[in-house]
C-alpha cells in the first residue's frame, strides 16, 4: 500500500488549497479514505472522511463548511479542498487508509496559513 500526498504550501488567511492523495497497492474503490492533520505539539486529528463509494462524508467541527473531501475512484485519488483557511489550520496533513485492519499513512504534506 502506498499513499502519496501533494498540494500543500503557504497560503494567506482566507485563501484556498487543494490536497491530493494518490493510492496504490490495494483496491481503492472498496475502502473509505480519510485526511488527518497534526500541528506542532498536538496530537494527530481526523479532519475528514469519505465512504468507499463517496456517498457519505464526515468532517471535524473545526472545518465544517470550509473543507470538502471527495474522491475519484477511476484515478485512485482522494482530495481535500480547503477554503477560507485560517492560521489554526496550519499543520502537516496526512492521507489515511485502513486496509485489512492495518492503518496506512502517506508521508504528509505541509500546509501553512500565514500572512
N, C-alpha and C. Protein backbone atom coordinates (compact mmCIF):
# COMPACT_ATOMS: atom_id res chain seq x y z
N UNK A 1 0.85 -1.18 0.00
CA UNK A 1 0.00 0.00 0.00
C UNK A 1 0.89 1.24 0.00
N UNK A 2 0.56 2.16 -0.88
CA UNK A 2 1.30 3.42 -0.92
C UNK A 2 0.32 4.56 -1.07
N UNK A 3 0.51 5.59 -0.27
CA UNK A 3 -0.30 6.80 -0.32
C UNK A 3 0.64 7.98 -0.51
N UNK A 4 0.40 8.78 -1.54
CA UNK A 4 1.28 9.91 -1.85
C UNK A 4 0.46 11.18 -1.89
N UNK A 5 0.73 12.08 -0.94
CA UNK A 5 0.02 13.36 -0.87
C UNK A 5 0.76 14.43 -1.67
N UNK A 6 0.01 15.41 -2.12
CA UNK A 6 0.58 16.59 -2.77
C UNK A 6 -0.39 17.75 -2.61
N UNK A 7 0.12 18.95 -2.89
CA UNK A 7 -0.75 20.12 -2.91
C UNK A 7 -0.61 21.07 -1.74
N UNK A 8 0.22 20.74 -0.76
CA UNK A 8 0.41 21.65 0.35
C UNK A 8 1.20 22.88 -0.04
N UNK A 9 1.32 23.81 0.90
CA UNK A 9 2.09 25.02 0.63
C UNK A 9 1.76 26.12 1.60
N UNK A 10 2.21 27.31 1.26
CA UNK A 10 1.98 28.50 2.07
C UNK A 10 0.84 29.31 1.45
N UNK A 11 -0.12 29.69 2.26
CA UNK A 11 -1.27 30.44 1.76
C UNK A 11 -1.65 31.48 2.81
N UNK A 12 -2.20 32.58 2.35
CA UNK A 12 -2.64 33.63 3.28
C UNK A 12 -3.98 33.26 3.90
N UNK A 13 -4.26 33.80 5.07
CA UNK A 13 -5.59 33.57 5.68
C UNK A 13 -6.69 33.95 4.70
N UNK A 14 -7.72 33.10 4.66
CA UNK A 14 -8.81 33.31 3.72
C UNK A 14 -8.61 32.65 2.37
N UNK A 15 -7.42 32.15 2.14
CA UNK A 15 -7.10 31.52 0.87
C UNK A 15 -7.55 30.07 0.80
N UNK A 16 -7.21 29.43 -0.34
CA UNK A 16 -7.63 28.06 -0.60
C UNK A 16 -6.45 27.20 -1.05
N UNK A 17 -6.56 25.93 -0.76
CA UNK A 17 -5.62 24.92 -1.27
C UNK A 17 -6.41 23.65 -1.55
N UNK A 18 -5.91 22.85 -2.49
CA UNK A 18 -6.49 21.53 -2.71
C UNK A 18 -5.40 20.48 -2.56
N UNK A 19 -5.59 19.59 -1.62
CA UNK A 19 -4.67 18.48 -1.42
C UNK A 19 -5.14 17.27 -2.21
N UNK A 20 -4.19 16.50 -2.69
CA UNK A 20 -4.48 15.25 -3.40
C UNK A 20 -3.72 14.10 -2.74
N UNK A 21 -4.30 12.94 -2.79
CA UNK A 21 -3.64 11.73 -2.29
C UNK A 21 -3.91 10.62 -3.30
N UNK A 22 -2.84 10.15 -3.92
CA UNK A 22 -2.97 9.07 -4.89
C UNK A 22 -2.55 7.76 -4.24
N UNK A 23 -3.41 6.75 -4.37
CA UNK A 23 -3.21 5.48 -3.68
C UNK A 23 -2.85 4.38 -4.67
N UNK A 24 -2.11 3.40 -4.18
CA UNK A 24 -1.78 2.22 -4.97
C UNK A 24 -1.54 1.04 -4.04
N UNK A 25 -1.63 -0.16 -4.61
CA UNK A 25 -1.35 -1.36 -3.82
C UNK A 25 -2.55 -2.00 -3.18
N UNK A 26 -3.74 -1.44 -3.39
CA UNK A 26 -4.96 -2.05 -2.88
C UNK A 26 -6.12 -1.59 -3.78
N UNK A 27 -7.27 -2.23 -3.60
CA UNK A 27 -8.43 -1.90 -4.42
C UNK A 27 -9.10 -0.66 -3.84
N UNK A 28 -8.68 0.47 -4.33
CA UNK A 28 -9.04 1.77 -3.76
C UNK A 28 -10.55 1.93 -3.60
N UNK A 29 -11.31 1.53 -4.59
CA UNK A 29 -12.74 1.82 -4.59
C UNK A 29 -13.48 1.08 -3.48
N UNK A 30 -12.86 0.11 -2.84
CA UNK A 30 -13.52 -0.68 -1.80
C UNK A 30 -13.34 -0.11 -0.39
N UNK A 31 -12.53 0.94 -0.26
CA UNK A 31 -12.17 1.40 1.07
C UNK A 31 -12.51 2.87 1.30
N UNK A 32 -12.98 3.14 2.52
CA UNK A 32 -13.11 4.53 2.94
C UNK A 32 -11.72 5.14 3.04
N UNK A 33 -11.67 6.45 2.87
CA UNK A 33 -10.42 7.20 2.95
C UNK A 33 -10.60 8.38 3.89
N UNK A 34 -9.49 8.80 4.49
CA UNK A 34 -9.57 9.91 5.44
C UNK A 34 -8.38 10.85 5.28
N UNK A 35 -8.58 12.07 5.74
CA UNK A 35 -7.49 13.03 5.91
C UNK A 35 -7.36 13.36 7.39
N UNK A 36 -6.13 13.36 7.87
CA UNK A 36 -5.80 13.76 9.23
C UNK A 36 -4.82 14.93 9.15
N UNK A 37 -4.64 15.59 10.28
CA UNK A 37 -3.61 16.62 10.35
C UNK A 37 -2.97 16.62 11.73
N UNK A 38 -1.74 17.11 11.76
CA UNK A 38 -1.02 17.20 13.03
C UNK A 38 -0.25 18.51 13.07
N UNK A 39 -0.62 19.33 14.02
CA UNK A 39 0.07 20.61 14.23
C UNK A 39 1.19 20.40 15.24
N UNK A 40 2.20 21.27 15.24
CA UNK A 40 3.32 21.12 16.18
C UNK A 40 2.84 21.07 17.63
N UNK A 41 3.29 20.06 18.35
CA UNK A 41 2.95 19.93 19.76
C UNK A 41 1.56 19.39 20.04
N UNK A 42 0.85 18.99 18.97
CA UNK A 42 -0.51 18.50 19.15
C UNK A 42 -0.63 17.08 18.60
N UNK A 43 -1.68 16.40 19.02
CA UNK A 43 -1.93 15.06 18.52
C UNK A 43 -2.52 15.11 17.11
N UNK A 44 -2.32 14.03 16.38
CA UNK A 44 -2.92 13.92 15.06
C UNK A 44 -4.44 13.82 15.22
N UNK A 45 -5.16 14.57 14.38
CA UNK A 45 -6.61 14.60 14.48
C UNK A 45 -7.26 14.34 13.13
N UNK A 46 -8.43 13.72 13.19
CA UNK A 46 -9.20 13.46 11.97
C UNK A 46 -9.79 14.77 11.45
N UNK A 47 -9.62 15.01 10.17
CA UNK A 47 -10.16 16.21 9.53
C UNK A 47 -11.42 15.87 8.75
N UNK A 48 -11.35 14.84 7.91
CA UNK A 48 -12.48 14.49 7.06
C UNK A 48 -12.35 13.04 6.62
N UNK A 49 -13.49 12.42 6.34
CA UNK A 49 -13.51 11.03 5.87
C UNK A 49 -14.57 10.89 4.80
N UNK A 50 -14.35 9.92 3.91
CA UNK A 50 -15.30 9.69 2.83
C UNK A 50 -15.47 8.18 2.64
N UNK A 51 -16.72 7.75 2.45
CA UNK A 51 -17.01 6.34 2.25
C UNK A 51 -16.46 5.85 0.91
N UNK A 52 -16.44 4.54 0.75
CA UNK A 52 -15.81 3.94 -0.43
C UNK A 52 -16.44 4.42 -1.73
N UNK A 53 -17.77 4.53 -1.75
CA UNK A 53 -18.46 4.97 -2.97
C UNK A 53 -18.60 6.48 -3.01
N UNK A 54 -18.16 7.15 -1.97
CA UNK A 54 -18.19 8.61 -1.95
C UNK A 54 -19.49 9.21 -1.50
N UNK A 55 -20.47 8.37 -1.13
CA UNK A 55 -21.77 8.91 -0.80
C UNK A 55 -21.85 9.57 0.57
N UNK A 56 -21.03 9.11 1.52
CA UNK A 56 -21.08 9.67 2.87
C UNK A 56 -19.76 10.33 3.18
N UNK A 57 -19.85 11.51 3.78
CA UNK A 57 -18.67 12.23 4.23
C UNK A 57 -18.86 12.69 5.67
N UNK A 58 -17.78 12.83 6.40
CA UNK A 58 -17.80 13.31 7.77
C UNK A 58 -16.66 14.31 7.94
N UNK A 59 -16.90 15.30 8.79
CA UNK A 59 -15.92 16.36 8.99
C UNK A 59 -15.76 16.68 10.46
N UNK A 60 -14.56 17.10 10.83
CA UNK A 60 -14.36 17.67 12.15
C UNK A 60 -15.15 18.97 12.24
N UNK A 61 -15.64 19.28 13.42
CA UNK A 61 -16.42 20.50 13.60
C UNK A 61 -15.63 21.74 13.18
N UNK A 62 -14.33 21.71 13.39
CA UNK A 62 -13.50 22.87 13.13
C UNK A 62 -13.37 23.20 11.64
N UNK A 63 -13.71 22.26 10.77
CA UNK A 63 -13.55 22.50 9.32
C UNK A 63 -14.87 22.43 8.56
N UNK A 64 -15.97 22.11 9.23
CA UNK A 64 -17.25 22.02 8.56
C UNK A 64 -17.61 23.33 7.87
N UNK A 65 -18.06 23.21 6.63
CA UNK A 65 -18.43 24.39 5.87
C UNK A 65 -17.27 25.05 5.16
N UNK A 66 -16.03 24.63 5.46
CA UNK A 66 -14.85 25.22 4.81
C UNK A 66 -14.07 24.20 3.98
N UNK A 67 -14.07 22.96 4.41
CA UNK A 67 -13.32 21.89 3.72
C UNK A 67 -14.30 20.93 3.06
N UNK A 68 -13.86 20.36 1.93
CA UNK A 68 -14.67 19.37 1.22
C UNK A 68 -13.78 18.21 0.81
N UNK A 69 -14.18 17.01 1.22
CA UNK A 69 -13.46 15.81 0.82
C UNK A 69 -14.20 15.17 -0.35
N UNK A 70 -13.44 14.65 -1.32
CA UNK A 70 -14.04 13.99 -2.47
C UNK A 70 -13.07 12.92 -2.96
N UNK A 71 -13.55 12.09 -3.87
CA UNK A 71 -12.67 11.05 -4.39
C UNK A 71 -13.01 10.75 -5.84
N UNK A 72 -12.01 10.25 -6.56
CA UNK A 72 -12.17 9.80 -7.93
C UNK A 72 -11.67 8.36 -7.97
N UNK A 73 -12.58 7.42 -7.95
CA UNK A 73 -12.18 6.02 -7.88
C UNK A 73 -11.51 5.55 -9.17
N UNK A 74 -11.78 6.20 -10.28
CA UNK A 74 -11.11 5.84 -11.53
C UNK A 74 -9.64 6.24 -11.51
N UNK A 75 -9.31 7.28 -10.73
CA UNK A 75 -7.94 7.78 -10.63
C UNK A 75 -7.25 7.37 -9.33
N UNK A 76 -7.95 6.57 -8.49
CA UNK A 76 -7.39 6.14 -7.20
C UNK A 76 -6.90 7.34 -6.38
N UNK A 77 -7.69 8.39 -6.37
CA UNK A 77 -7.25 9.64 -5.72
C UNK A 77 -8.36 10.18 -4.83
N UNK A 78 -7.95 10.68 -3.69
CA UNK A 78 -8.85 11.37 -2.77
C UNK A 78 -8.34 12.81 -2.63
N UNK A 79 -9.28 13.74 -2.54
CA UNK A 79 -8.94 15.16 -2.49
C UNK A 79 -9.45 15.80 -1.20
N UNK A 80 -8.82 16.90 -0.83
CA UNK A 80 -9.32 17.73 0.25
C UNK A 80 -9.24 19.18 -0.22
N UNK A 81 -10.40 19.73 -0.54
CA UNK A 81 -10.50 21.15 -0.92
C UNK A 81 -10.64 21.96 0.36
N UNK A 82 -9.72 22.88 0.56
CA UNK A 82 -9.70 23.68 1.79
C UNK A 82 -9.89 25.15 1.42
N UNK A 83 -10.99 25.72 1.86
CA UNK A 83 -11.31 27.12 1.60
C UNK A 83 -11.36 27.89 2.91
N UNK A 84 -11.32 29.20 2.80
CA UNK A 84 -11.39 30.08 3.98
C UNK A 84 -10.40 29.62 5.04
N UNK A 85 -9.19 29.39 4.62
CA UNK A 85 -8.18 28.86 5.53
C UNK A 85 -7.84 29.85 6.64
N UNK A 86 -7.56 29.28 7.81
CA UNK A 86 -7.23 30.07 8.99
C UNK A 86 -5.83 29.68 9.48
N UNK A 87 -5.17 30.54 10.22
CA UNK A 87 -3.85 30.18 10.76
C UNK A 87 -3.87 28.89 11.57
N UNK A 88 -4.97 28.63 12.25
CA UNK A 88 -5.05 27.40 13.05
C UNK A 88 -5.19 26.13 12.21
N UNK A 89 -5.33 26.27 10.89
CA UNK A 89 -5.31 25.11 10.00
C UNK A 89 -3.88 24.68 9.67
N UNK A 90 -2.91 25.45 10.08
CA UNK A 90 -1.51 25.11 9.82
C UNK A 90 -1.16 23.77 10.46
N UNK A 91 -0.67 22.86 9.65
CA UNK A 91 -0.36 21.50 10.13
C UNK A 91 0.24 20.70 8.98
N UNK A 92 0.73 19.52 9.32
CA UNK A 92 1.05 18.53 8.30
C UNK A 92 -0.21 17.69 8.09
N UNK A 93 -0.62 17.57 6.85
CA UNK A 93 -1.84 16.84 6.51
C UNK A 93 -1.46 15.47 5.95
N UNK A 94 -2.13 14.44 6.47
CA UNK A 94 -1.84 13.06 6.10
C UNK A 94 -3.07 12.38 5.50
N UNK A 95 -2.84 11.60 4.49
CA UNK A 95 -3.86 10.74 3.91
C UNK A 95 -3.82 9.41 4.66
N UNK A 96 -4.99 8.80 4.85
CA UNK A 96 -5.08 7.56 5.61
C UNK A 96 -6.01 6.56 4.93
N UNK A 97 -5.59 5.30 4.99
CA UNK A 97 -6.45 4.20 4.57
C UNK A 97 -6.25 3.04 5.54
N UNK A 98 -7.35 2.44 5.97
CA UNK A 98 -7.30 1.23 6.80
C UNK A 98 -7.62 0.06 5.90
N UNK A 99 -6.61 -0.75 5.60
CA UNK A 99 -6.74 -1.85 4.66
C UNK A 99 -6.46 -3.15 5.41
N UNK A 100 -7.46 -4.05 5.42
CA UNK A 100 -7.34 -5.31 6.17
C UNK A 100 -6.90 -5.04 7.60
N UNK A 101 -7.52 -4.04 8.21
CA UNK A 101 -7.30 -3.66 9.61
C UNK A 101 -5.89 -3.12 9.88
N UNK A 102 -5.15 -2.81 8.86
CA UNK A 102 -3.84 -2.17 9.03
C UNK A 102 -3.98 -0.72 8.61
N UNK A 103 -3.47 0.17 9.46
CA UNK A 103 -3.58 1.61 9.19
C UNK A 103 -2.37 2.07 8.39
N UNK A 104 -2.63 2.65 7.22
CA UNK A 104 -1.57 3.16 6.36
C UNK A 104 -1.64 4.67 6.29
N UNK A 105 -0.44 5.28 6.20
CA UNK A 105 -0.34 6.74 6.12
C UNK A 105 0.54 7.15 4.94
N UNK A 106 0.23 8.32 4.40
CA UNK A 106 1.14 8.92 3.45
C UNK A 106 2.27 9.61 4.20
N UNK A 107 3.16 10.26 3.43
CA UNK A 107 4.32 10.92 4.03
C UNK A 107 3.96 12.29 4.61
N UNK A 108 2.79 12.78 4.27
CA UNK A 108 2.34 14.08 4.77
C UNK A 108 2.72 15.23 3.86
N UNK A 109 1.90 16.26 3.90
CA UNK A 109 2.17 17.48 3.15
C UNK A 109 1.91 18.68 4.06
N UNK A 110 2.85 19.61 4.08
CA UNK A 110 2.76 20.76 4.98
C UNK A 110 1.82 21.82 4.43
N UNK A 111 0.92 22.28 5.27
CA UNK A 111 0.05 23.42 4.96
C UNK A 111 0.33 24.50 5.99
N UNK A 112 0.71 25.67 5.51
CA UNK A 112 1.00 26.80 6.38
C UNK A 112 0.11 27.96 5.98
N UNK A 113 -0.67 28.45 6.94
CA UNK A 113 -1.56 29.57 6.69
C UNK A 113 -1.03 30.77 7.47
N UNK A 114 -0.52 31.74 6.75
CA UNK A 114 0.13 32.87 7.40
C UNK A 114 0.18 34.06 6.45
N UNK A 115 0.09 35.26 7.04
CA UNK A 115 0.22 36.47 6.23
C UNK A 115 1.67 36.95 6.22
